């Protein structure tokens, strides 16, 4: 009996060794890990060019590209609307505050921009939810997912867009105000006022372009951040966006999804910086001459 038990135990060794070896070989063959490094890297580059980032580890071997295409539209829509608000209200209030320096308008803009710049996004989101979704008008701020699997883009946009744009509006307003005040002290602006030109003409024809140079530098990275998603805002309002998908991928160690989103975020940032560089040539002709 003892000899039989010993033989059966010893027989487990080659069986387990065989199973482990076959599993190792199959896994390496499936993911191409047995190929040389250059072959793996070359194959990955070709796949990236074709927008093929492999299969997700978490979502039952679904293509990563399809997951990205599904999660990016809510983020892109919210980001574009927030960026539009930032450009309109940030630049507009900054210019008005500079033109009305040391008046009640200037004090209100500076006060609100200081509060907005010092308030975290999740605090703004929670306050808006309590005020508008619970207490007053019940403006829906989350629950983007519908029973059909799509996402809603109507009243659900209001609170996330406002939350996402508060801090950038405050920053752009202060930056625009400071830049505009610096330009207003230039001699050619004094000459324009001395010639009796109307305020609208002085603003649009003389100092607006020059005052926007540092603002455009800040709008580029801001656009990249907005279009790639805000983890905090998407978490507060339960938005199935790309930022939240990235955090879930990191927590679940979904490496193909992590690599894909990192590459796409880098592409967006690079394109935003390229657009800023091209806008410099329009705003400041000295860049073209240089």
C-alpha atoms as a PDB file:
ATOM      1  CA  UNK A   1       0.000   0.000   0.000  1.00  0.00           C
ATOM      2  CA  UNK A   2       2.764   2.428   0.940  1.00  0.00           C
ATOM      3  CA  UNK A   3       4.651   1.618  -2.266  1.00  0.00           C
ATOM      4  CA  UNK A   4       1.531   2.291  -4.324  1.00  0.00           C
ATOM      5  CA  UNK A   5       1.000   5.678  -2.667  1.00  0.00           C
ATOM      6  CA  UNK A   6       4.640   6.638  -3.252  1.00  0.00           C
ATOM      7  CA  UNK A   7       4.395   5.657  -6.941  1.00  0.00           C
ATOM      8  CA  UNK A   8       1.245   7.729  -7.414  1.00  0.00           C
ATOM      9  CA  UNK A   9       2.842  10.726  -5.749  1.00  0.00           C
ATOM     10  CA  UNK A  10       5.959  10.413  -7.892  1.00  0.00           C
ATOM     11  CA  UNK A  11       3.786  10.124 -10.990  1.00  0.00           C
ATOM     12  CA  UNK A  12       2.317  13.563 -10.227  1.00  0.00           C
ATOM     13  CA  UNK A  13       5.688  15.204 -10.846  1.00  0.00           C
ATOM     14  CA  UNK A  14       5.942  14.535 -14.625  1.00  0.00           C
ATOM     15  CA  UNK A  15       2.205  15.179 -15.088  1.00  0.00           C
ATOM     16  CA  UNK A  16       2.367  18.598 -13.431  1.00  0.00           C
ATOM     17  CA  UNK A  17       5.602  19.399 -15.244  1.00  0.00           C
ATOM     18  CA  UNK A  18       3.931  18.558 -18.571  1.00  0.00           C
ATOM     19  CA  UNK A  19       0.867  20.723 -17.791  1.00  0.00           C
ATOM     20  CA  UNK A  20       2.999  23.680 -16.685  1.00  0.00           C
ATOM     21  CA  UNK A  21       5.181  23.433 -19.795  1.00  0.00           C
ATOM     22  CA  UNK A  22       2.218  23.224 -22.183  1.00  0.00           C
ATOM     23  CA  UNK A  23       0.512  26.167 -20.461  1.00  0.00           C
ATOM     24  CA  UNK A  24       3.665  28.264 -20.639  1.00  0.00           C
ATOM     25  CA  UNK A  25       4.200  27.481 -24.322  1.00  0.00           C
ATOM     26  CA  UNK A  26       0.576  28.201 -25.257  1.00  0.00           C
ATOM     27  CA  UNK A  27       0.468  31.521 -23.397  1.00  0.00           C
ATOM     28  CA  UNK A  28       3.732  32.657 -24.968  1.00  0.00           C
ATOM     29  CA  UNK A  29       2.541  31.566 -28.403  1.00  0.00           C
ATOM     30  CA  UNK A  30      -0.817  33.339 -28.043  1.00  0.00           C
ATOM     31  CA  UNK A  31       0.682  36.688 -27.060  1.00  0.00           C
ATOM     32  CA  UNK A  32       3.841  36.357 -29.161  1.00  0.00           C
ATOM     33  CA  UNK A  33       6.114  36.361 -26.131  1.00  0.00           C
ATOM     34  CA  UNK A  34       8.341  33.657 -27.559  1.00  0.00           C
ATOM     35  CA  UNK A  35       9.439  35.874 -30.467  1.00  0.00           C
ATOM     36  CA  UNK A  36      12.547  38.083 -30.306  1.00  0.00           C
ATOM     37  CA  UNK A  37      12.138  41.586 -28.901  1.00  0.00           C
ATOM     38  CA  UNK A  38      12.485  43.363 -32.238  1.00  0.00           C
ATOM     39  CA  UNK A  39       9.876  41.091 -33.805  1.00  0.00           C
ATOM     40  CA  UNK A  40       7.435  41.765 -30.958  1.00  0.00           C
ATOM     41  CA  UNK A  41       8.052  45.520 -31.106  1.00  0.00           C
ATOM     42  CA  UNK A  42       7.716  45.651 -34.882  1.00  0.00           C
ATOM     43  CA  UNK A  43       4.460  43.722 -34.770  1.00  0.00           C
ATOM     44  CA  UNK A  44       3.144  46.043 -32.071  1.00  0.00           C
ATOM     45  CA  UNK A  45       4.011  49.149 -34.111  1.00  0.00           C
ATOM     46  CA  UNK A  46       2.215  47.753 -37.146  1.00  0.00           C
ATOM     47  CA  UNK A  47      -0.841  46.963 -35.035  1.00  0.00           C
ATOM     48  CA  UNK A  48      -0.841  50.439 -33.487  1.00  0.00           C
ATOM     49  CA  UNK A  49      -0.793  52.043 -36.935  1.00  0.00           C
ATOM     50  CA  UNK A  50      -3.873  49.971 -37.791  1.00  0.00           C
ATOM     51  CA  UNK A  51      -5.518  50.975 -34.465  1.00  0.00           C
ATOM     52  CA  UNK A  52      -5.218  47.415 -33.213  1.00  0.00           C
ATOM     53  CA  UNK A  53      -4.149  47.366 -29.571  1.00  0.00           C
ATOM     54  CA  UNK A  54      -4.900  43.741 -28.926  1.00  0.00           C
ATOM     55  CA  UNK A  55      -7.475  42.171 -26.646  1.00  0.00           C
ATOM     56  CA  UNK A  56      -8.477  43.345 -23.201  1.00  0.00           C
ATOM     57  CA  UNK A  57      -7.568  41.177 -20.225  1.00  0.00           C
ATOM     58  CA  UNK A  58     -10.553  42.336 -18.183  1.00  0.00           C
ATOM     59  CA  UNK A  59     -13.495  42.475 -20.586  1.00  0.00           C
ATOM     60  CA  UNK A  60     -13.499  38.868 -21.797  1.00  0.00           C
ATOM     61  CA  UNK A  61     -11.024  39.336 -24.652  1.00  0.00           C
ATOM     62  CA  UNK A  62     -12.848  42.246 -26.264  1.00  0.00           C
ATOM     63  CA  UNK A  63     -10.763  44.376 -28.655  1.00  0.00           C
ATOM     64  CA  UNK A  64      -9.240  47.349 -26.875  1.00  0.00           C
ATOM     65  CA  UNK A  65      -9.973  49.590 -29.856  1.00  0.00           C
ATOM     66  CA  UNK A  66     -13.718  48.917 -29.571  1.00  0.00           C
ATOM     67  CA  UNK A  67     -13.634  49.679 -25.830  1.00  0.00           C
ATOM     68  CA  UNK A  68     -11.896  52.984 -26.529  1.00  0.00           C
ATOM     69  CA  UNK A  69     -14.343  53.915 -29.282  1.00  0.00           C
ATOM     70  CA  UNK A  70     -17.187  53.168 -26.884  1.00  0.00           C
ATOM     71  CA  UNK A  71     -15.835  55.125 -23.910  1.00  0.00           C
ATOM     72  CA  UNK A  72     -14.355  58.157 -25.676  1.00  0.00           C
ATOM     73  CA  UNK A  73     -17.524  59.832 -27.130  1.00  0.00           C
ATOM     74  CA  UNK A  74     -18.962  60.904 -23.724  1.00  0.00           C
ATOM     75  CA  UNK A  75     -15.573  62.282 -22.714  1.00  0.00           C
ATOM     76  CA  UNK A  76     -15.076  64.066 -26.039  1.00  0.00           C
ATOM     77  CA  UNK A  77     -18.515  65.709 -26.003  1.00  0.00           C
ATOM     78  CA  UNK A  78     -18.172  66.904 -22.419  1.00  0.00           C
ATOM     79  CA  UNK A  79     -14.605  68.060 -23.038  1.00  0.00           C
ATOM     80  CA  UNK A  80     -15.491  70.026 -26.186  1.00  0.00           C
ATOM     81  CA  UNK A  81     -18.430  71.768 -24.515  1.00  0.00           C
ATOM     82  CA  UNK A  82     -16.311  72.566 -21.461  1.00  0.00           C
ATOM     83  CA  UNK A  83     -13.546  73.941 -23.701  1.00  0.00           C
ATOM     84  CA  UNK A  84     -16.077  76.142 -25.489  1.00  0.00           C
ATOM     85  CA  UNK A  85     -17.234  77.518 -22.137  1.00  0.00           C
ATOM     86  CA  UNK A  86     -13.627  78.098 -21.077  1.00  0.00           C
ATOM     87  CA  UNK A  87     -12.827  80.075 -24.228  1.00  0.00           C
ATOM     88  CA  UNK A  88     -15.989  82.193 -24.060  1.00  0.00           C
ATOM     89  CA  UNK A  89     -16.204  82.901 -20.338  1.00  0.00           C
ATOM     90  CA  UNK A  90     -12.511  82.692 -19.457  1.00  0.00           C
ATOM     91  CA  UNK A  91     -11.251  85.058 -22.148  1.00  0.00           C
ATOM     92  CA  UNK A  92     -14.378  87.236 -22.058  1.00  0.00           C
ATOM     93  CA  UNK A  93     -14.376  87.856 -18.325  1.00  0.00           C
ATOM     94  CA  UNK A  94     -10.614  88.357 -18.290  1.00  0.00           C
ATOM     95  CA  UNK A  95     -10.759  91.063 -20.967  1.00  0.00           C
ATOM     96  CA  UNK A  96     -13.722  92.811 -19.312  1.00  0.00           C
ATOM     97  CA  UNK A  97     -11.998  92.753 -15.918  1.00  0.00           C
ATOM     98  CA  UNK A  98      -8.855  94.287 -17.418  1.00  0.00           C
ATOM     99  CA  UNK A  99     -10.802  97.023 -19.221  1.00  0.00           C
ATOM    100  CA  UNK A 100     -12.693  97.792 -15.995  1.00  0.00           C
ATOM    101  CA  UNK A 101      -9.717  97.540 -13.667  1.00  0.00           C
ATOM    102  CA  UNK A 102     -10.318  98.528 -10.034  1.00  0.00           C
ATOM    103  CA  UNK A 103     -14.090  98.600 -10.499  1.00  0.00           C
ATOM    104  CA  UNK A 104     -16.772  96.336  -9.059  1.00  0.00           C
ATOM    105  CA  UNK A 105     -16.684  94.260 -12.259  1.00  0.00           C
ATOM    106  CA  UNK A 106     -12.971  93.628 -11.813  1.00  0.00           C
ATOM    107  CA  UNK A 107     -13.403  92.740  -8.151  1.00  0.00           C
ATOM    108  CA  UNK A 108     -16.180  90.237  -8.912  1.00  0.00           C
ATOM    109  CA  UNK A 109     -14.172  88.529 -11.669  1.00  0.00           C
ATOM    110  CA  UNK A 110     -11.024  88.336  -9.542  1.00  0.00           C
ATOM    111  CA  UNK A 111     -12.987  87.059  -6.550  1.00  0.00           C
ATOM    112  CA  UNK A 112     -14.820  84.349  -8.468  1.00  0.00           C
ATOM    113  CA  UNK A 113     -11.663  83.298 -10.308  1.00  0.00           C
ATOM    114  CA  UNK A 114      -9.778  83.011  -7.022  1.00  0.00           C
ATOM    115  CA  UNK A 115     -12.515  80.874  -5.497  1.00  0.00           C
ATOM    116  CA  UNK A 116     -12.819  78.749  -8.641  1.00  0.00           C
ATOM    117  CA  UNK A 117      -9.078  78.174  -8.901  1.00  0.00           C
ATOM    118  CA  UNK A 118      -8.843  77.068  -5.260  1.00  0.00           C
ATOM    119  CA  UNK A 119     -11.848  74.724  -5.245  1.00  0.00           C
ATOM    120  CA  UNK A 120     -11.255  71.077  -6.262  1.00  0.00           C
ATOM    121  CA  UNK A 121     -13.389  69.690  -9.070  1.00  0.00           C
ATOM    122  CA  UNK A 122     -14.983  66.992  -6.923  1.00  0.00           C
ATOM    123  CA  UNK A 123     -16.116  69.618  -4.399  1.00  0.00           C
ATOM    124  CA  UNK A 124     -17.690  71.691  -7.180  1.00  0.00           C
ATOM    125  CA  UNK A 125     -19.400  68.592  -8.567  1.00  0.00           C
ATOM    126  CA  UNK A 126     -20.824  67.515  -5.224  1.00  0.00           C
ATOM    127  CA  UNK A 127     -22.083  71.037  -4.473  1.00  0.00           C
ATOM    128  CA  UNK A 128     -23.789  71.251  -7.876  1.00  0.00           C
ATOM    129  CA  UNK A 129     -25.396  67.841  -7.370  1.00  0.00           C
ATOM    130  CA  UNK A 130     -26.742  68.847  -3.954  1.00  0.00           C
ATOM    131  CA  UNK A 131     -28.094  72.167  -5.223  1.00  0.00           C
ATOM    132  CA  UNK A 132     -29.508  71.300  -8.636  1.00  0.00           C
ATOM    133  CA  UNK A 133     -30.100  67.560  -8.653  1.00  0.00           C
ATOM    134  CA  UNK A 134     -31.425  67.194  -5.103  1.00  0.00           C
ATOM    135  CA  UNK A 135     -32.698  70.522  -3.809  1.00  0.00           C
ATOM    136  CA  UNK A 136     -33.864  72.712  -6.677  1.00  0.00           C
ATOM    137  CA  UNK A 137     -34.516  71.750 -10.263  1.00  0.00           C
ATOM    138  CA  UNK A 138     -33.362  68.148 -10.272  1.00  0.00           C
ATOM    139  CA  UNK A 139     -30.943  68.600 -13.153  1.00  0.00           C
ATOM    140  CA  UNK A 140     -29.670  65.092 -13.793  1.00  0.00           C
ATOM    141  CA  UNK A 141     -25.917  65.006 -13.399  1.00  0.00           C
ATOM    142  CA  UNK A 142     -25.051  61.362 -13.930  1.00  0.00           C
ATOM    143  CA  UNK A 143     -26.489  58.032 -15.021  1.00  0.00           C
ATOM    144  CA  UNK A 144     -25.209  58.366 -18.579  1.00  0.00           C
ATOM    145  CA  UNK A 145     -25.748  54.690 -19.310  1.00  0.00           C
ATOM    146  CA  UNK A 146     -29.097  53.813 -20.840  1.00  0.00           C
ATOM    147  CA  UNK A 147     -30.830  50.408 -20.915  1.00  0.00           C
ATOM    148  CA  UNK A 148     -29.847  50.151 -24.587  1.00  0.00           C
ATOM    149  CA  UNK A 149     -26.172  50.395 -23.681  1.00  0.00           C
ATOM    150  CA  UNK A 150     -25.773  53.880 -25.183  1.00  0.00           C
ATOM    151  CA  UNK A 151     -25.304  57.138 -23.308  1.00  0.00           C
ATOM    152  CA  UNK A 152     -27.526  60.188 -22.921  1.00  0.00           C
ATOM    153  CA  UNK A 153     -26.390  63.609 -24.091  1.00  0.00           C
ATOM    154  CA  UNK A 154     -29.130  66.036 -23.074  1.00  0.00           C
ATOM    155  CA  UNK A 155     -29.615  67.495 -19.599  1.00  0.00           C
ATOM    156  CA  UNK A 156     -27.000  65.060 -18.317  1.00  0.00           C
ATOM    157  CA  UNK A 157     -24.335  67.326 -19.783  1.00  0.00           C
ATOM    158  CA  UNK A 158     -25.041  70.435 -17.732  1.00  0.00           C
ATOM    159  CA  UNK A 159     -23.481  69.622 -14.371  1.00  0.00           C
ATOM    160  CA  UNK A 160     -20.437  67.668 -15.653  1.00  0.00           C
ATOM    161  CA  UNK A 161     -19.587  70.408 -18.162  1.00  0.00           C
ATOM    162  CA  UNK A 162     -19.900  73.139 -15.545  1.00  0.00           C
ATOM    163  CA  UNK A 163     -17.848  71.154 -13.038  1.00  0.00           C
ATOM    164  CA  UNK A 164     -15.134  70.437 -15.579  1.00  0.00           C
ATOM    165  CA  UNK A 165     -14.876  74.059 -16.714  1.00  0.00           C
ATOM    166  CA  UNK A 166     -14.932  75.976 -13.412  1.00  0.00           C
ATOM    167  CA  UNK A 167     -11.239  75.687 -12.558  1.00  0.00           C
ATOM    168  CA  UNK A 168      -9.934  76.272 -16.127  1.00  0.00           C
ATOM    169  CA  UNK A 169     -12.260  79.277 -16.541  1.00  0.00           C
ATOM    170  CA  UNK A 170     -10.843  80.782 -13.353  1.00  0.00           C
ATOM    171  CA  UNK A 171      -7.262  80.172 -14.498  1.00  0.00           C
ATOM    172  CA  UNK A 172      -7.812  81.490 -18.046  1.00  0.00           C
ATOM    173  CA  UNK A 173      -9.680  84.551 -16.730  1.00  0.00           C
ATOM    174  CA  UNK A 174      -6.817  85.509 -14.417  1.00  0.00           C
ATOM    175  CA  UNK A 175      -4.232  84.846 -17.130  1.00  0.00           C
ATOM    176  CA  UNK A 176      -6.192  86.871 -19.704  1.00  0.00           C
ATOM    177  CA  UNK A 177      -6.638  89.738 -17.272  1.00  0.00           C
ATOM    178  CA  UNK A 178      -2.933  89.883 -16.448  1.00  0.00           C
ATOM    179  CA  UNK A 179      -1.904  89.648 -20.103  1.00  0.00           C
ATOM    180  CA  UNK A 180      -4.438  92.279 -21.161  1.00  0.00           C
ATOM    181  CA  UNK A 181      -3.302  94.710 -18.465  1.00  0.00           C
ATOM    182  CA  UNK A 182       0.277  94.309 -19.655  1.00  0.00           C
ATOM    183  CA  UNK A 183      -0.701  95.008 -23.275  1.00  0.00           C
ATOM    184  CA  UNK A 184      -2.867  97.989 -22.310  1.00  0.00           C
ATOM    185  CA  UNK A 185       0.228  99.705 -20.896  1.00  0.00           C
ATOM    186  CA  UNK A 186       1.995  99.614 -24.268  1.00  0.00           C
ATOM    187  CA  UNK A 187       2.576 102.838 -26.185  1.00  0.00           C
ATOM    188  CA  UNK A 188       0.649 101.811 -29.294  1.00  0.00           C
ATOM    189  CA  UNK A 189      -2.461 101.207 -27.179  1.00  0.00           C
ATOM    190  CA  UNK A 190      -2.157 104.660 -25.634  1.00  0.00           C
ATOM    191  CA  UNK A 191      -1.840 106.057 -29.142  1.00  0.00           C
ATOM    192  CA  UNK A 192      -5.001 104.249 -30.233  1.00  0.00           C
ATOM    193  CA  UNK A 193      -6.930 105.678 -27.278  1.00  0.00           C
ATOM    194  CA  UNK A 194      -5.472 109.145 -27.943  1.00  0.00           C
ATOM    195  CA  UNK A 195      -6.667 108.998 -31.555  1.00  0.00           C
ATOM    196  CA  UNK A 196     -10.208 108.651 -30.247  1.00  0.00           C
ATOM    197  CA  UNK A 197     -10.872 105.133 -31.519  1.00  0.00           C
ATOM    198  CA  UNK A 198     -13.890 103.332 -30.161  1.00  0.00           C
ATOM    199  CA  UNK A 199     -13.324 100.748 -27.450  1.00  0.00           C
ATOM    200  CA  UNK A 200     -14.535  97.869 -29.612  1.00  0.00           C
ATOM    201  CA  UNK A 201     -12.096  98.804 -32.373  1.00  0.00           C
ATOM    202  CA  UNK A 202      -9.191  99.083 -29.942  1.00  0.00           C
ATOM    203  CA  UNK A 203     -10.044  95.698 -28.448  1.00  0.00           C
ATOM    204  CA  UNK A 204     -10.537  93.773 -31.689  1.00  0.00           C
ATOM    205  CA  UNK A 205      -7.904  95.414 -33.877  1.00  0.00           C
ATOM    206  CA  UNK A 206      -5.077  96.341 -31.555  1.00  0.00           C
ATOM    207  CA  UNK A 207      -4.569  94.522 -28.272  1.00  0.00           C
ATOM    208  CA  UNK A 208      -6.662  91.329 -28.357  1.00  0.00           C
ATOM    209  CA  UNK A 209      -4.227  89.343 -30.509  1.00  0.00           C
ATOM    210  CA  UNK A 210      -1.201  90.301 -28.440  1.00  0.00           C
ATOM    211  CA  UNK A 211      -2.937  89.595 -25.151  1.00  0.00           C
ATOM    212  CA  UNK A 212      -3.968  86.113 -26.341  1.00  0.00           C
ATOM    213  CA  UNK A 213      -0.411  84.824 -26.876  1.00  0.00           C
ATOM    214  CA  UNK A 214       0.077  83.447 -23.320  1.00  0.00           C
ATOM    215  CA  UNK A 215      -3.584  82.421 -23.188  1.00  0.00           C
ATOM    216  CA  UNK A 216      -3.225  80.234 -26.276  1.00  0.00           C
ATOM    217  CA  UNK A 217      -0.219  78.559 -24.644  1.00  0.00           C
ATOM    218  CA  UNK A 218      -2.428  77.574 -21.712  1.00  0.00           C
ATOM    219  CA  UNK A 219      -5.427  76.565 -23.829  1.00  0.00           C
ATOM    220  CA  UNK A 220      -3.453  73.856 -25.651  1.00  0.00           C
ATOM    221  CA  UNK A 221      -2.708  71.659 -22.613  1.00  0.00           C
ATOM    222  CA  UNK A 222      -6.146  72.490 -21.203  1.00  0.00           C
ATOM    223  CA  UNK A 223      -7.820  71.144 -24.338  1.00  0.00           C
ATOM    224  CA  UNK A 224      -5.711  67.982 -24.184  1.00  0.00           C
ATOM    225  CA  UNK A 225      -6.673  67.384 -20.558  1.00  0.00           C
ATOM    226  CA  UNK A 226     -10.374  67.945 -21.244  1.00  0.00           C
ATOM    227  CA  UNK A 227     -10.548  65.745 -24.319  1.00  0.00           C
ATOM    228  CA  UNK A 228      -8.762  62.856 -22.599  1.00  0.00           C
ATOM    229  CA  UNK A 229     -11.165  62.844 -19.685  1.00  0.00           C
ATOM    230  CA  UNK A 230     -11.263  63.846 -16.054  1.00  0.00           C
ATOM    231  CA  UNK A 231     -11.186  60.894 -13.705  1.00  0.00           C
ATOM    232  CA  UNK A 232     -12.695  62.887 -10.837  1.00  0.00           C
ATOM    233  CA  UNK A 233     -15.604  64.345 -12.812  1.00  0.00           C
ATOM    234  CA  UNK A 234     -16.388  61.051 -14.523  1.00  0.00           C
ATOM    235  CA  UNK A 235     -16.365  59.271 -11.176  1.00  0.00           C
ATOM    236  CA  UNK A 236     -18.559  61.853  -9.422  1.00  0.00           C
ATOM    237  CA  UNK A 237     -21.177  61.859 -12.191  1.00  0.00           C
ATOM    238  CA  UNK A 238     -20.900  58.174 -13.099  1.00  0.00           C
ATOM    239  CA  UNK A 239     -19.831  58.890 -16.684  1.00  0.00           C
ATOM    240  CA  UNK A 240     -18.524  55.898 -18.681  1.00  0.00           C
ATOM    241  CA  UNK A 241     -15.689  57.927 -20.191  1.00  0.00           C
ATOM    242  CA  UNK A 242     -12.126  57.216 -21.217  1.00  0.00           C
ATOM    243  CA  UNK A 243     -10.627  58.639 -18.016  1.00  0.00           C
ATOM    244  CA  UNK A 244     -12.632  56.311 -15.835  1.00  0.00           C
ATOM    245  CA  UNK A 245     -11.843  53.403 -18.171  1.00  0.00           C
ATOM    246  CA  UNK A 246      -8.131  54.152 -17.767  1.00  0.00           C
ATOM    247  CA  UNK A 247      -8.361  54.060 -13.963  1.00  0.00           C
ATOM    248  CA  UNK A 248     -10.279  50.775 -14.082  1.00  0.00           C
ATOM    249  CA  UNK A 249      -7.650  49.343 -16.427  1.00  0.00           C
ATOM    250  CA  UNK A 250      -4.862  50.348 -14.040  1.00  0.00           C
ATOM    251  CA  UNK A 251      -6.622  48.876 -11.006  1.00  0.00           C
ATOM    252  CA  UNK A 252      -7.347  45.612 -12.857  1.00  0.00           C
ATOM    253  CA  UNK A 253      -3.905  45.467 -14.544  1.00  0.00           C
ATOM    254  CA  UNK A 254      -5.406  45.438 -18.017  1.00  0.00           C
ATOM    255  CA  UNK A 255      -2.072  46.110 -19.733  1.00  0.00           C
ATOM    256  CA  UNK A 256      -3.316  46.341 -23.358  1.00  0.00           C
ATOM    257  CA  UNK A 257      -5.893  48.945 -22.302  1.00  0.00           C
ATOM    258  CA  UNK A 258      -3.292  50.861 -20.291  1.00  0.00           C
ATOM    259  CA  UNK A 259      -0.862  50.958 -23.220  1.00  0.00           C
ATOM    260  CA  UNK A 260      -3.573  51.973 -25.688  1.00  0.00           C
ATOM    261  CA  UNK A 261      -4.957  54.826 -23.598  1.00  0.00           C
ATOM    262  CA  UNK A 262      -1.456  56.074 -22.772  1.00  0.00           C
ATOM    263  CA  UNK A 263      -0.547  56.176 -26.460  1.00  0.00           C
ATOM    264  CA  UNK A 264      -3.772  57.942 -27.393  1.00  0.00           C
ATOM    265  CA  UNK A 265      -3.381  60.480 -24.588  1.00  0.00           C
ATOM    266  CA  UNK A 266       0.135  61.207 -25.842  1.00  0.00           C
ATOM    267  CA  UNK A 267      -1.157  61.669 -29.393  1.00  0.00           C
ATOM    268  CA  UNK A 268      -3.814  64.130 -28.211  1.00  0.00           C
ATOM    269  CA  UNK A 269      -1.280  66.147 -26.192  1.00  0.00           C
ATOM    270  CA  UNK A 270       1.168  66.225 -29.121  1.00  0.00           C
ATOM    271  CA  UNK A 271      -1.555  67.364 -31.539  1.00  0.00           C
ATOM    272  CA  UNK A 272      -2.732  70.046 -29.107  1.00  0.00           C
ATOM    273  CA  UNK A 273       0.807  71.411 -28.809  1.00  0.00           C
ATOM    274  CA  UNK A 274       1.158  71.332 -32.602  1.00  0.00           C
ATOM    275  CA  UNK A 275      -2.053  73.331 -33.005  1.00  0.00           C
ATOM    276  CA  UNK A 276      -0.774  75.870 -30.471  1.00  0.00           C
ATOM    277  CA  UNK A 277       2.491  76.232 -32.403  1.00  0.00           C
ATOM    278  CA  UNK A 278       0.546  76.786 -35.631  1.00  0.00           C
ATOM    279  CA  UNK A 279      -1.707  79.358 -33.973  1.00  0.00           C
ATOM    280  CA  UNK A 280       1.385  81.263 -32.874  1.00  0.00           C
ATOM    281  CA  UNK A 281       2.152  81.979 -36.534  1.00  0.00           C
ATOM    282  CA  UNK A 282      -1.307  83.529 -36.924  1.00  0.00           C
ATOM    283  CA  UNK A 283      -1.291  85.543 -33.710  1.00  0.00           C
ATOM    284  CA  UNK A 284       2.350  86.642 -33.757  1.00  0.00           C
ATOM    285  CA  UNK A 285       3.916  87.186 -37.227  1.00  0.00           C
ATOM    286  CA  UNK A 286       7.371  87.335 -35.627  1.00  0.00           C
ATOM    287  CA  UNK A 287       7.230  83.555 -35.240  1.00  0.00           C
ATOM    288  CA  UNK A 288       6.978  83.152 -39.028  1.00  0.00           C
ATOM    289  CA  UNK A 289       9.826  85.564 -39.598  1.00  0.00           C
ATOM    290  CA  UNK A 290      11.956  83.745 -37.032  1.00  0.00           C
END
